[in-house]
Amino acid sequence: IAVGLARGEGGVIACSALKRQYRDVLSVDERRVRF
């Protein structure tokens, strides 16, 4: 995600992300990562 955002790219990821702590890891930019 971080590399994609740095390049000005977007994407969709399928990921269980069951716990808040997992989502915190994935949320590298709160404005540009949506769940």
PDB file of all heavy atoms in Angstrom:
ATOM      1  N   ILE A   1       0.834  -1.204   0.000  1.00  0.00           N
ATOM      2  CA  ILE A   1       0.000   0.000   0.000  1.00  0.00           C
ATOM      3  C   ILE A   1       0.867   1.252   0.000  1.00  0.00           C
ATOM      4  O   ILE A   1       0.632   2.189  -0.772  1.00  0.00           O
ATOM      5  CB  ILE A   1      -0.940   0.002   1.218  1.00  0.00           C
ATOM      6  CG1 ILE A   1      -1.950  -1.155   1.119  1.00  0.00           C
ATOM      7  CG2 ILE A   1      -1.678   1.339   1.332  1.00  0.00           C
ATOM      8  CD1 ILE A   1      -2.766  -1.354   2.388  1.00  0.00           C
ATOM      9  N   ALA A   2       1.872   1.283   0.865  1.00  0.00           N
ATOM     10  CA  ALA A   2       2.727   2.470   0.988  1.00  0.00           C
ATOM     11  C   ALA A   2       3.447   2.785  -0.317  1.00  0.00           C
ATOM     12  O   ALA A   2       3.531   3.947  -0.734  1.00  0.00           O
ATOM     13  CB  ALA A   2       3.735   2.270   2.122  1.00  0.00           C
ATOM     14  N   VAL A   3       3.968   1.760  -0.972  1.00  0.00           N
ATOM     15  CA  VAL A   3       4.677   1.960  -2.242  1.00  0.00           C
ATOM     16  C   VAL A   3       3.713   2.472  -3.303  1.00  0.00           C
ATOM     17  O   VAL A   3       4.023   3.389  -4.063  1.00  0.00           O
ATOM     18  CB  VAL A   3       5.352   0.645  -2.694  1.00  0.00           C
ATOM     19  CG1 VAL A   3       5.864   0.777  -4.123  1.00  0.00           C
ATOM     20  CG2 VAL A   3       6.499   0.294  -1.761  1.00  0.00           C
ATOM     21  N   GLY A   4       2.518   1.874  -3.354  1.00  0.00           N
ATOM     22  CA  GLY A   4       1.523   2.318  -4.327  1.00  0.00           C
ATOM     23  C   GLY A   4       1.135   3.772  -4.132  1.00  0.00           C
ATOM     24  O   GLY A   4       1.075   4.550  -5.095  1.00  0.00           O
ATOM     25  N   LEU A   5       0.880   4.157  -2.892  1.00  0.00           N
ATOM     26  CA  LEU A   5       0.503   5.542  -2.615  1.00  0.00           C
ATOM     27  C   LEU A   5       1.632   6.506  -2.956  1.00  0.00           C
ATOM     28  O   LEU A   5       1.393   7.602  -3.473  1.00  0.00           O
ATOM     29  CB  LEU A   5       0.109   5.689  -1.143  1.00  0.00           C
ATOM     30  CG  LEU A   5      -1.191   5.004  -0.710  1.00  0.00           C
ATOM     31  CD1 LEU A   5      -1.394   5.169   0.789  1.00  0.00           C
ATOM     32  CD2 LEU A   5      -2.386   5.555  -1.475  1.00  0.00           C
ATOM     33  N   ALA A   6       2.861   6.112  -2.667  1.00  0.00           N
ATOM     34  CA  ALA A   6       4.009   6.967  -2.963  1.00  0.00           C
ATOM     35  C   ALA A   6       4.148   7.208  -4.463  1.00  0.00           C
ATOM     36  O   ALA A   6       4.645   8.250  -4.895  1.00  0.00           O
ATOM     37  CB  ALA A   6       5.292   6.349  -2.409  1.00  0.00           C
ATOM     38  N   ARG A   7       3.692   6.254  -5.254  1.00  0.00           N
ATOM     39  CA  ARG A   7       3.745   6.376  -6.713  1.00  0.00           C
ATOM     40  C   ARG A   7       2.516   7.084  -7.281  1.00  0.00           C
ATOM     41  O   ARG A   7       2.394   7.246  -8.494  1.00  0.00           O
ATOM     42  CB  ARG A   7       3.854   4.990  -7.351  1.00  0.00           C
ATOM     43  CG  ARG A   7       5.176   4.276  -7.082  1.00  0.00           C
ATOM     44  CD  ARG A   7       5.133   2.863  -7.637  1.00  0.00           C
ATOM     45  NE  ARG A   7       6.413   2.182  -7.475  1.00  0.00           N
ATOM     46  CZ  ARG A   7       6.600   0.884  -7.684  1.00  0.00           C
ATOM     47  NH1 ARG A   7       5.583   0.127  -8.071  1.00  0.00           N
ATOM     48  NH2 ARG A   7       7.784   0.336  -7.525  1.00  0.00           N
ATOM     49  N   GLY A   8       1.592   7.462  -6.398  1.00  0.00           N
ATOM     50  CA  GLY A   8       0.360   8.080  -6.864  1.00  0.00           C
ATOM     51  C   GLY A   8      -0.623   7.088  -7.424  1.00  0.00           C
ATOM     52  O   GLY A   8      -1.508   7.437  -8.207  1.00  0.00           O
ATOM     53  N   GLU A   9      -0.505   5.816  -7.017  1.00  0.00           N
ATOM     54  CA  GLU A   9      -1.372   4.753  -7.515  1.00  0.00           C
ATOM     55  C   GLU A   9      -2.409   4.368  -6.464  1.00  0.00           C
ATOM     56  O   GLU A   9      -2.276   4.715  -5.284  1.00  0.00           O
ATOM     57  CB  GLU A   9      -0.535   3.526  -7.890  1.00  0.00           C
ATOM     58  CG  GLU A   9       0.505   3.803  -8.961  1.00  0.00           C
ATOM     59  CD  GLU A   9       1.495   2.671  -9.153  1.00  0.00           C
ATOM     60  OE1 GLU A   9       1.466   1.704  -8.360  1.00  0.00           O
ATOM     61  OE2 GLU A   9       2.308   2.761 -10.088  1.00  0.00           O
ATOM     62  N   GLY A  10      -3.427   3.656  -6.891  1.00  0.00           N
ATOM     63  CA  GLY A  10      -4.445   3.144  -5.985  1.00  0.00           C
ATOM     64  C   GLY A  10      -4.633   1.662  -6.191  1.00  0.00           C
ATOM     65  O   GLY A  10      -4.002   1.051  -7.056  1.00  0.00           O
ATOM     66  N   GLY A  11      -5.520   1.069  -5.408  1.00  0.00           N
ATOM     67  CA  GLY A  11      -5.774  -0.356  -5.551  1.00  0.00           C
ATOM     68  C   GLY A  11      -6.823  -0.819  -4.570  1.00  0.00           C
ATOM     69  O   GLY A  11      -7.269  -0.074  -3.690  1.00  0.00           O
ATOM     70  N   VAL A  12      -7.232  -2.070  -4.740  1.00  0.00           N
ATOM     71  CA  VAL A  12      -8.180  -2.720  -3.844  1.00  0.00           C
ATOM     72  C   VAL A  12      -7.524  -3.996  -3.330  1.00  0.00           C
ATOM     73  O   VAL A  12      -6.978  -4.777  -4.109  1.00  0.00           O
ATOM     74  CB  VAL A  12      -9.498  -3.072  -4.559  1.00  0.00           C
ATOM     75  CG1 VAL A  12     -10.438  -3.828  -3.622  1.00  0.00           C
ATOM     76  CG2 VAL A  12     -10.183  -1.812  -5.081  1.00  0.00           C
ATOM     77  N   ILE A  13      -7.561  -4.185  -2.007  1.00  0.00           N
ATOM     78  CA  ILE A  13      -6.961  -5.366  -1.387  1.00  0.00           C
ATOM     79  C   ILE A  13      -8.029  -6.135  -0.618  1.00  0.00           C
ATOM     80  O   ILE A  13      -8.789  -5.542   0.161  1.00  0.00           O
ATOM     81  CB  ILE A  13      -5.830  -4.975  -0.415  1.00  0.00           C
ATOM     82  CG1 ILE A  13      -4.684  -4.307  -1.162  1.00  0.00           C
ATOM     83  CG2 ILE A  13      -5.321  -6.192   0.344  1.00  0.00           C
ATOM     84  CD1 ILE A  13      -3.520  -3.905  -0.272  1.00  0.00           C
ATOM     85  N   ALA A  14      -8.105  -7.433  -0.851  1.00  0.00           N
ATOM     86  CA  ALA A  14      -8.962  -8.302  -0.047  1.00  0.00           C
ATOM     87  C   ALA A  14      -8.132  -8.850   1.105  1.00  0.00           C
ATOM     88  O   ALA A  14      -7.114  -9.514   0.877  1.00  0.00           O
ATOM     89  CB  ALA A  14      -9.515  -9.449  -0.892  1.00  0.00           C
ATOM     90  N   CYS A  15      -8.534  -8.542   2.324  1.00  0.00           N
ATOM     91  CA  CYS A  15      -7.773  -8.946   3.502  1.00  0.00           C
ATOM     92  C   CYS A  15      -8.723  -9.053   4.688  1.00  0.00           C
ATOM     93  O   CYS A  15      -9.546  -8.158   4.902  1.00  0.00           O
ATOM     94  CB  CYS A  15      -6.672  -7.926   3.786  1.00  0.00           C
ATOM     95  SG  CYS A  15      -5.744  -8.218   5.311  1.00  0.00           S
ATOM     96  N   SER A  16      -8.619 -10.113   5.455  1.00  0.00           N
ATOM     97  CA  SER A  16      -9.548 -10.317   6.577  1.00  0.00           C
ATOM     98  C   SER A  16      -9.520  -9.150   7.561  1.00  0.00           C
ATOM     99  O   SER A  16     -10.576  -8.681   8.000  1.00  0.00           O
ATOM    100  CB  SER A  16      -9.237 -11.632   7.302  1.00  0.00           C
ATOM    101  OG  SER A  16      -7.866 -11.682   7.665  1.00  0.00           O
ATOM    102  N   ALA A  17      -8.318  -8.681   7.936  1.00  0.00           N
ATOM    103  CA  ALA A  17      -8.163  -7.500   8.808  1.00  0.00           C
ATOM    104  C   ALA A  17      -9.134  -7.541   9.988  1.00  0.00           C
ATOM    105  O   ALA A  17      -9.808  -6.559  10.296  1.00  0.00           O
ATOM    106  CB  ALA A  17      -8.355  -6.214   8.000  1.00  0.00           C
ATOM    107  N   LEU A  18      -9.175  -8.664  10.674  1.00  0.00           N
ATOM    108  CA  LEU A  18     -10.210  -8.898  11.685  1.00  0.00           C
ATOM    109  C   LEU A  18     -10.075  -7.998  12.914  1.00  0.00           C
ATOM    110  O   LEU A  18     -11.079  -7.604  13.504  1.00  0.00           O
ATOM    111  CB  LEU A  18     -10.183 -10.367  12.119  1.00  0.00           C
ATOM    112  CG  LEU A  18     -10.467 -11.397  11.026  1.00  0.00           C
ATOM    113  CD1 LEU A  18     -10.297 -12.815  11.582  1.00  0.00           C
ATOM    114  CD2 LEU A  18     -11.863 -11.213  10.456  1.00  0.00           C
ATOM    115  N   LYS A  19      -8.844  -7.709  13.313  1.00  0.00           N
ATOM    116  CA  LYS A  19      -8.636  -6.947  14.545  1.00  0.00           C
ATOM    117  C   LYS A  19      -8.211  -5.512  14.249  1.00  0.00           C
ATOM    118  O   LYS A  19      -7.645  -5.221  13.190  1.00  0.00           O
ATOM    119  CB  LYS A  19      -7.558  -7.618  15.407  1.00  0.00           C
ATOM    120  CG  LYS A  19      -7.934  -8.984  15.944  1.00  0.00           C
ATOM    121  CD  LYS A  19      -6.832  -9.512  16.851  1.00  0.00           C
ATOM    122  CE  LYS A  19      -7.181 -10.864  17.454  1.00  0.00           C
ATOM    123  NZ  LYS A  19      -6.121 -11.355  18.372  1.00  0.00           N
ATOM    124  N   ARG A  20      -8.488  -4.658  15.218  1.00  0.00           N
ATOM    125  CA  ARG A  20      -8.107  -3.252  15.053  1.00  0.00           C
ATOM    126  C   ARG A  20      -6.607  -3.114  14.862  1.00  0.00           C
ATOM    127  O   ARG A  20      -6.162  -2.293  14.050  1.00  0.00           O
ATOM    128  CB  ARG A  20      -8.567  -2.452  16.276  1.00  0.00           C
ATOM    129  CG  ARG A  20      -8.174  -0.980  16.194  1.00  0.00           C
ATOM    130  CD  ARG A  20      -8.659  -0.199  17.391  1.00  0.00           C
ATOM    131  NE  ARG A  20      -8.212   1.177  17.325  1.00  0.00           N
ATOM    132  CZ  ARG A  20      -8.501   2.105  18.230  1.00  0.00           C
ATOM    133  NH1 ARG A  20      -9.250   1.791  19.285  1.00  0.00           N
ATOM    134  NH2 ARG A  20      -8.055   3.332  18.105  1.00  0.00           N
ATOM    135  N   GLN A  21      -5.818  -3.901  15.586  1.00  0.00           N
ATOM    136  CA  GLN A  21      -4.370  -3.769  15.476  1.00  0.00           C
ATOM    137  C   GLN A  21      -3.889  -4.141  14.080  1.00  0.00           C
ATOM    138  O   GLN A  21      -2.899  -3.598  13.586  1.00  0.00           O
ATOM    139  CB  GLN A  21      -3.670  -4.630  16.524  1.00  0.00           C
ATOM    140  CG  GLN A  21      -3.809  -6.136  16.316  1.00  0.00           C
ATOM    141  CD  GLN A  21      -3.286  -6.921  17.493  1.00  0.00           C
ATOM    142  OE1 GLN A  21      -3.909  -6.982  18.561  1.00  0.00           O
ATOM    143  NE2 GLN A  21      -2.142  -7.560  17.308  1.00  0.00           N
ATOM    144  N   TYR A  22      -4.585  -5.067  13.407  1.00  0.00           N
ATOM    145  CA  TYR A  22      -4.231  -5.417  12.034  1.00  0.00           C
ATOM    146  C   TYR A  22      -4.540  -4.244  11.096  1.00  0.00           C
ATOM    147  O   TYR A  22      -3.754  -3.912  10.211  1.00  0.00           O
ATOM    148  CB  TYR A  22      -5.015  -6.647  11.553  1.00  0.00           C
ATOM    149  CG  TYR A  22      -4.891  -7.884  12.410  1.00  0.00           C
ATOM    150  CD1 TYR A  22      -5.825  -8.904  12.312  1.00  0.00           C
ATOM    151  CD2 TYR A  22      -3.842  -8.054  13.311  1.00  0.00           C
ATOM    152  CE1 TYR A  22      -5.733 -10.047  13.077  1.00  0.00           C
ATOM    153  CE2 TYR A  22      -3.733  -9.193  14.085  1.00  0.00           C
ATOM    154  CZ  TYR A  22      -4.694 -10.194  13.970  1.00  0.00           C
ATOM    155  OH  TYR A  22      -4.610 -11.328  14.743  1.00  0.00           O
ATOM    156  N   ARG A  23      -5.694  -3.634  11.313  1.00  0.00           N
ATOM    157  CA  ARG A  23      -6.081  -2.504  10.472  1.00  0.00           C
ATOM    158  C   ARG A  23      -5.161  -1.309  10.694  1.00  0.00           C
ATOM    159  O   ARG A  23      -4.898  -0.534   9.763  1.00  0.00           O
ATOM    160  CB  ARG A  23      -7.551  -2.132  10.736  1.00  0.00           C
ATOM    161  CG  ARG A  23      -8.510  -3.260  10.352  1.00  0.00           C
ATOM    162  CD  ARG A  23      -9.955  -2.817  10.424  1.00  0.00           C
ATOM    163  NE  ARG A  23     -10.431  -2.579  11.780  1.00  0.00           N
ATOM    164  CZ  ARG A  23     -10.941  -3.520  12.568  1.00  0.00           C
ATOM    165  NH1 ARG A  23     -11.033  -4.775  12.149  1.00  0.00           N
ATOM    166  NH2 ARG A  23     -11.380  -3.221  13.787  1.00  0.00           N
ATOM    167  N   ASP A  24      -4.681  -1.156  11.912  1.00  0.00           N
ATOM    168  CA  ASP A  24      -3.739  -0.072  12.198  1.00  0.00           C
ATOM    169  C   ASP A  24      -2.457  -0.234  11.376  1.00  0.00           C
ATOM    170  O   ASP A  24      -1.871   0.756  10.920  1.00  0.00           O
ATOM    171  CB  ASP A  24      -3.392  -0.035  13.687  1.00  0.00           C
ATOM    172  CG  ASP A  24      -4.537   0.503  14.544  1.00  0.00           C
ATOM    173  OD1 ASP A  24      -5.474   1.116  13.972  1.00  0.00           O
ATOM    174  OD2 ASP A  24      -4.497   0.310  15.768  1.00  0.00           O
ATOM    175  N   VAL A  25      -2.014  -1.472  11.200  1.00  0.00           N
ATOM    176  CA  VAL A  25      -0.812  -1.728  10.395  1.00  0.00           C
ATOM    177  C   VAL A  25      -1.053  -1.353   8.934  1.00  0.00           C
ATOM    178  O   VAL A  25      -0.207  -0.732   8.285  1.00  0.00           O
ATOM    179  CB  VAL A  25      -0.392  -3.212  10.500  1.00  0.00           C
ATOM    180  CG1 VAL A  25       0.766  -3.518   9.546  1.00  0.00           C
ATOM    181  CG2 VAL A  25      -0.007  -3.573  11.924  1.00  0.00           C
ATOM    182  N   LEU A  26      -2.230  -1.706   8.425  1.00  0.00           N
ATOM    183  CA  LEU A  26      -2.550  -1.463   7.018  1.00  0.00           C
ATOM    184  C   LEU A  26      -2.848   0.006   6.727  1.00  0.00           C
ATOM    185  O   LEU A  26      -2.660   0.471   5.600  1.00  0.00           O
ATOM    186  CB  LEU A  26      -3.747  -2.308   6.596  1.00  0.00           C
ATOM    187  CG  LEU A  26      -3.562  -3.824   6.675  1.00  0.00           C
ATOM    188  CD1 LEU A  26      -4.872  -4.527   6.354  1.00  0.00           C
ATOM    189  CD2 LEU A  26      -2.462  -4.282   5.718  1.00  0.00           C
ATOM    190  N   SER A  27      -3.279   0.736   7.732  1.00  0.00           N
ATOM    191  CA  SER A  27      -3.676   2.131   7.541  1.00  0.00           C
ATOM    192  C   SER A  27      -2.448   3.037   7.555  1.00  0.00           C
ATOM    193  O   SER A  27      -2.249   3.840   8.462  1.00  0.00           O
ATOM    194  CB  SER A  27      -4.679   2.555   8.625  1.00  0.00           C
ATOM    195  OG  SER A  27      -5.215   3.815   8.345  1.00  0.00           O
ATOM    196  N   VAL A  28      -1.654   2.921   6.516  1.00  0.00           N
ATOM    197  CA  VAL A  28      -0.407   3.694   6.448  1.00  0.00           C
ATOM    198  C   VAL A  28      -0.675   5.171   6.199  1.00  0.00           C
ATOM    199  O   VAL A  28       0.207   6.016   6.414  1.00  0.00           O
ATOM    200  CB  VAL A  28       0.525   3.125   5.357  1.00  0.00           C
ATOM    201  CG1 VAL A  28       0.917   1.695   5.684  1.00  0.00           C
ATOM    202  CG2 VAL A  28      -0.129   3.206   3.985  1.00  0.00           C
ATOM    203  N   ASP A  29      -1.854   5.500   5.722  1.00  0.00           N
ATOM    204  CA  ASP A  29      -2.271   6.888   5.505  1.00  0.00           C
ATOM    205  C   ASP A  29      -3.788   6.917   5.716  1.00  0.00           C
ATOM    206  O   ASP A  29      -4.539   6.419   4.879  1.00  0.00           O
ATOM    207  CB  ASP A  29      -1.911   7.344   4.094  1.00  0.00           C
ATOM    208  CG  ASP A  29      -2.221   8.820   3.846  1.00  0.00           C
ATOM    209  OD1 ASP A  29      -3.248   9.308   4.368  1.00  0.00           O
ATOM    210  OD2 ASP A  29      -1.460   9.478   3.125  1.00  0.00           O
ATOM    211  N   GLU A  30      -4.218   7.478   6.838  1.00  0.00           N
ATOM    212  CA  GLU A  30      -5.636   7.414   7.199  1.00  0.00           C
ATOM    213  C   GLU A  30      -6.554   8.052   6.174  1.00  0.00           C
ATOM    214  O   GLU A  30      -7.707   7.643   6.029  1.00  0.00           O
ATOM    215  CB  GLU A  30      -5.856   8.064   8.572  1.00  0.00           C
ATOM    216  CG  GLU A  30      -5.243   7.283   9.721  1.00  0.00           C
ATOM    217  CD  GLU A  30      -5.558   7.907  11.069  1.00  0.00           C
ATOM    218  OE1 GLU A  30      -6.238   8.967  11.091  1.00  0.00           O
ATOM    219  OE2 GLU A  30      -5.129   7.338  12.087  1.00  0.00           O
ATOM    220  N   ARG A  31      -6.063   9.060   5.470  1.00  0.00           N
ATOM    221  CA  ARG A  31      -6.909   9.738   4.473  1.00  0.00           C
ATOM    222  C   ARG A  31      -7.015   8.949   3.178  1.00  0.00           C
ATOM    223  O   ARG A  31      -7.990   9.106   2.434  1.00  0.00           O
ATOM    224  CB  ARG A  31      -6.355  11.133   4.166  1.00  0.00           C
ATOM    225  CG  ARG A  31      -6.504  12.124   5.296  1.00  0.00           C
ATOM    226  CD  ARG A  31      -6.352  13.535   4.771  1.00  0.00           C
ATOM    227  NE  ARG A  31      -5.142  13.701   3.970  1.00  0.00           N
ATOM    228  CZ  ARG A  31      -4.932  14.691   3.108  1.00  0.00           C
ATOM    229  NH1 ARG A  31      -5.870  15.585   2.912  1.00  0.00           N
ATOM    230  NH2 ARG A  31      -3.799  14.789   2.445  1.00  0.00           N
ATOM    231  N   ARG A  32      -6.008   8.118   2.902  1.00  0.00           N
ATOM    232  CA  ARG A  32      -5.977   7.454   1.598  1.00  0.00           C
ATOM    233  C   ARG A  32      -6.104   5.937   1.668  1.00  0.00           C
ATOM    234  O   ARG A  32      -5.910   5.253   0.668  1.00  0.00           O
ATOM    235  CB  ARG A  32      -4.686   7.844   0.864  1.00  0.00           C
ATOM    236  CG  ARG A  32      -4.652   9.328   0.506  1.00  0.00           C
ATOM    237  CD  ARG A  32      -3.513   9.631  -0.438  1.00  0.00           C
ATOM    238  NE  ARG A  32      -2.207   9.542   0.224  1.00  0.00           N
ATOM    239  CZ  ARG A  32      -1.053   9.499  -0.431  1.00  0.00           C
ATOM    240  NH1 ARG A  32      -1.037   9.511  -1.757  1.00  0.00           N
ATOM    241  NH2 ARG A  32       0.086   9.450   0.236  1.00  0.00           N
ATOM    242  N   VAL A  33      -6.428   5.414   2.837  1.00  0.00           N
ATOM    243  CA  VAL A  33      -6.730   3.988   2.979  1.00  0.00           C
ATOM    244  C   VAL A  33      -8.111   3.867   3.605  1.00  0.00           C
ATOM    245  O   VAL A  33      -8.345   4.346   4.714  1.00  0.00           O
ATOM    246  CB  VAL A  33      -5.688   3.267   3.864  1.00  0.00           C
ATOM    247  CG1 VAL A  33      -6.065   1.787   4.027  1.00  0.00           C
ATOM    248  CG2 VAL A  33      -4.289   3.389   3.265  1.00  0.00           C
ATOM    249  N   ARG A  34      -9.050   3.265   2.889  1.00  0.00           N
ATOM    250  CA  ARG A  34     -10.422   3.095   3.363  1.00  0.00           C
ATOM    251  C   ARG A  34     -10.711   1.614   3.555  1.00  0.00           C
ATOM    252  O   ARG A  34     -10.214   0.769   2.811  1.00  0.00           O
ATOM    253  CB  ARG A  34     -11.425   3.672   2.361  1.00  0.00           C
ATOM    254  CG  ARG A  34     -11.330   5.161   2.132  1.00  0.00           C
ATOM    255  CD  ARG A  34     -11.664   5.960   3.382  1.00  0.00           C
ATOM    256  NE  ARG A  34     -12.909   5.516   4.006  1.00  0.00           N
ATOM    257  CZ  ARG A  34     -14.132   5.892   3.611  1.00  0.00           C
ATOM    258  NH1 ARG A  34     -14.269   6.723   2.584  1.00  0.00           N
ATOM    259  NH2 ARG A  34     -15.205   5.464   4.239  1.00  0.00           N
ATOM    260  N   PHE A  35     -11.527   1.310   4.558  1.00  0.00           N
ATOM    261  CA  PHE A  35     -11.905  -0.081   4.836  1.00  0.00           C
ATOM    262  C   PHE A  35     -13.373  -0.296   4.495  1.00  0.00           C
ATOM    263  O   PHE A  35     -14.232   0.531   4.815  1.00  0.00           O
ATOM    264  CB  PHE A  35     -11.659  -0.424   6.303  1.00  0.00           C
ATOM    265  CG  PHE A  35     -10.197  -0.517   6.655  1.00  0.00           C
ATOM    266  CD1 PHE A  35      -9.489   0.614   7.068  1.00  0.00           C
ATOM    267  CD2 PHE A  35      -9.523  -1.723   6.556  1.00  0.00           C
ATOM    268  CE1 PHE A  35      -8.145   0.544   7.380  1.00  0.00           C
ATOM    269  CE2 PHE A  35      -8.171  -1.811   6.865  1.00  0.00           C
ATOM    270  CZ  PHE A  35      -7.481  -0.677   7.279  1.00  0.00           C
TER     271      PHE A  35
END
